[in-house]
Protein backbone atom coordinates (compact mmCIF):
# COMPACT_ATOMS: atom_id res chain seq x y z
CA MET A 1 9.40 13.92 13.73
CA LEU A 2 8.18 10.15 14.53
CA SER A 3 10.26 7.74 16.65
CA GLY A 4 10.85 4.27 15.33
CA ALA A 5 8.68 3.21 18.29
CA ALA A 6 5.91 5.38 17.45
CA ILE A 7 5.83 4.46 13.71
CA ALA A 8 5.86 0.78 15.03
CA ASP A 9 2.80 1.44 17.08
CA LEU A 10 0.83 3.33 14.37
CA SER A 11 1.55 0.16 12.12
CA ALA A 12 0.39 -2.31 14.83
CA LYS A 13 -2.75 -0.54 15.30
CA ALA A 14 -3.34 0.02 11.91
CA ALA A 15 -3.22 -3.70 11.20
CA ARG A 16 -5.30 -4.63 14.29
CA LYS A 17 -8.04 -2.48 12.70
CA ALA A 18 -7.62 -3.90 9.16
CA ALA A 19 -7.82 -7.54 10.30
CA ARG A 20 -10.86 -6.68 12.44
CA GLU A 21 -12.46 -5.19 9.54
CA HIS A 22 -11.26 -7.63 7.07
CA GLN A 23 -9.67 -5.14 4.91
CA HIS A 24 -7.63 -5.91 1.58
CA PRO A 25 -5.52 -4.17 -0.85
CA LEU A 26 -7.31 -1.62 -3.22
CA ILE A 27 -7.28 -3.42 -6.37
CA VAL A 28 -6.07 -1.28 -9.70
CA GLU A 29 -8.23 -2.25 -12.74
CA GLU A 30 -8.10 -1.09 -16.49
CA GLU A 31 -10.94 0.88 -15.83
CA ASP A 32 -9.37 2.93 -12.82
CA LEU A 33 -6.38 4.28 -15.13
CA PRO A 34 -8.30 7.40 -16.46
CA HIS A 35 -8.62 8.52 -12.76
CA LEU A 36 -5.97 6.66 -11.20
CA ALA A 37 -4.45 9.50 -9.20
CA GLU A 38 -7.96 9.85 -7.39
CA HIS A 39 -8.63 5.90 -7.21
CA ILE A 40 -5.05 5.09 -5.47
CA GLN A 41 -5.68 7.88 -2.82
CA HIS A 42 -8.28 5.52 -1.21
CA ILE A 43 -5.97 3.02 -0.28
CA PRO A 44 -6.14 1.09 3.09
CA ASN A 45 -3.98 1.51 5.92
CA LEU A 46 -3.06 -2.19 6.36
CA GLY A 47 -0.05 -1.95 8.70
CA ASP A 48 1.70 -5.16 9.36
CA TYR A 49 -1.52 -7.27 8.16
CA ARG A 50 -1.19 -9.33 5.77
CA PRO A 51 -4.93 -10.40 4.24
CA PRO A 52 -5.41 -13.85 3.18
CA ARG A 53 -4.95 -14.78 -0.37
CA TRP A 54 -2.53 -11.79 -0.86
CA GLU A 55 1.24 -11.60 -0.96
CA LEU A 56 3.53 -8.56 -0.71
CA VAL A 57 5.46 -8.57 -3.79
CA GLU A 58 6.98 -4.92 -3.71
CA THR A 59 7.36 -1.99 -1.32
CA TYR A 60 7.70 1.60 -2.34
CA PHE A 61 9.02 4.60 -0.46
CA VAL A 62 6.60 7.37 -1.26
CA ASP A 63 6.73 11.20 -0.06
CA SER A 64 3.10 12.17 1.51
CA SER A 65 3.85 15.71 1.98
CA GLY A 66 3.53 16.82 -1.60
CA PHE A 67 6.78 18.75 -1.20
CA GLY A 68 9.32 15.95 -2.36
CA GLY A 69 11.47 16.04 -5.19
CA GLU A 70 12.11 13.87 -8.12
CA PHE A 71 15.60 13.04 -6.92
CA ASP A 72 14.87 12.49 -3.36
CA PRO A 73 14.79 8.98 -1.87
CA ALA A 74 11.09 8.90 -1.60
CA LEU A 75 9.10 8.83 -4.98
CA THR A 76 7.06 11.55 -5.55
CA PHE A 77 3.27 10.79 -6.07
CA ALA A 78 3.29 11.12 -9.77
CA GLN A 79 6.87 8.78 -9.86
CA PHE A 80 4.50 6.19 -7.71
CA LEU A 81 1.64 6.54 -10.10
CA LYS A 82 3.79 5.16 -12.78
CA LYS A 83 4.86 2.12 -10.72
CA VAL A 84 1.37 1.16 -10.41
CA LYS A 85 0.11 -2.18 -12.12
CA VAL A 86 -3.40 -3.43 -13.16
CA GLY A 87 -4.48 -6.44 -11.45
CA PHE A 88 -2.57 -5.71 -8.13
CA GLY A 89 -3.57 -4.51 -4.92
CA TYR A 90 -2.20 -1.60 -2.94
CA GLY A 91 -2.14 -0.63 0.71
CA LEU A 92 -0.20 1.32 3.27
CA ILE A 93 2.15 -0.84 5.07
CA GLU A 94 4.23 1.78 7.26
CA GLU A 95 3.34 5.77 7.94
CA GLY A 96 6.00 8.21 8.72
CA GLN A 97 5.24 11.82 9.39
CA PHE A 98 6.27 12.91 5.70
CA GLN A 99 6.88 9.68 3.76
CA VAL A 100 4.84 6.31 3.65
CA TYR A 101 5.69 2.70 2.31
CA ILE A 102 3.20 1.32 0.17
CA GLY A 103 2.73 -2.52 -0.55
CA GLU A 104 2.15 -3.96 -3.73
CA PHE A 105 0.04 -6.95 -3.47
CA ALA A 106 -0.51 -9.92 -5.76
CA PRO A 107 -3.44 -12.41 -5.17
CA LYS A 108 -2.13 -15.63 -4.49
CA PRO A 109 -3.06 -18.59 -6.70
CA ARG A 110 -6.09 -20.41 -5.27
CA LYS A 111 -5.24 -23.97 -4.49
CA GLY A 112 -7.49 -26.73 -6.32
CA LYS A 113 -8.97 -29.92 -5.19
CA ILE A 114 -6.30 -32.51 -5.52
CA LYS A 115 -8.40 -35.75 -7.24
């Protein structure tokens, strides 16, 4: 089992890599829904990094082992898929040995020029 310090270290490393590579959350579009399970498996590991123009609006605690049950504290992958919304972005924000926290991000509104 990973310690809290080890998890924090992994998150910080992921954040540095995500910032360096200018990563952003994986966006879910209407056309992704028929193959959502495959699409969502490619979410980036953002760690503590919060990309510009994206706002973290929700977090989901999800089983990553494949052995979790529907009544466990962590959502099963199938339960998580039911919560995914079109137009939002998703990224790993914390990763443990058997569970992950997945962040749901909304695009921040762009500020127009004031006349």
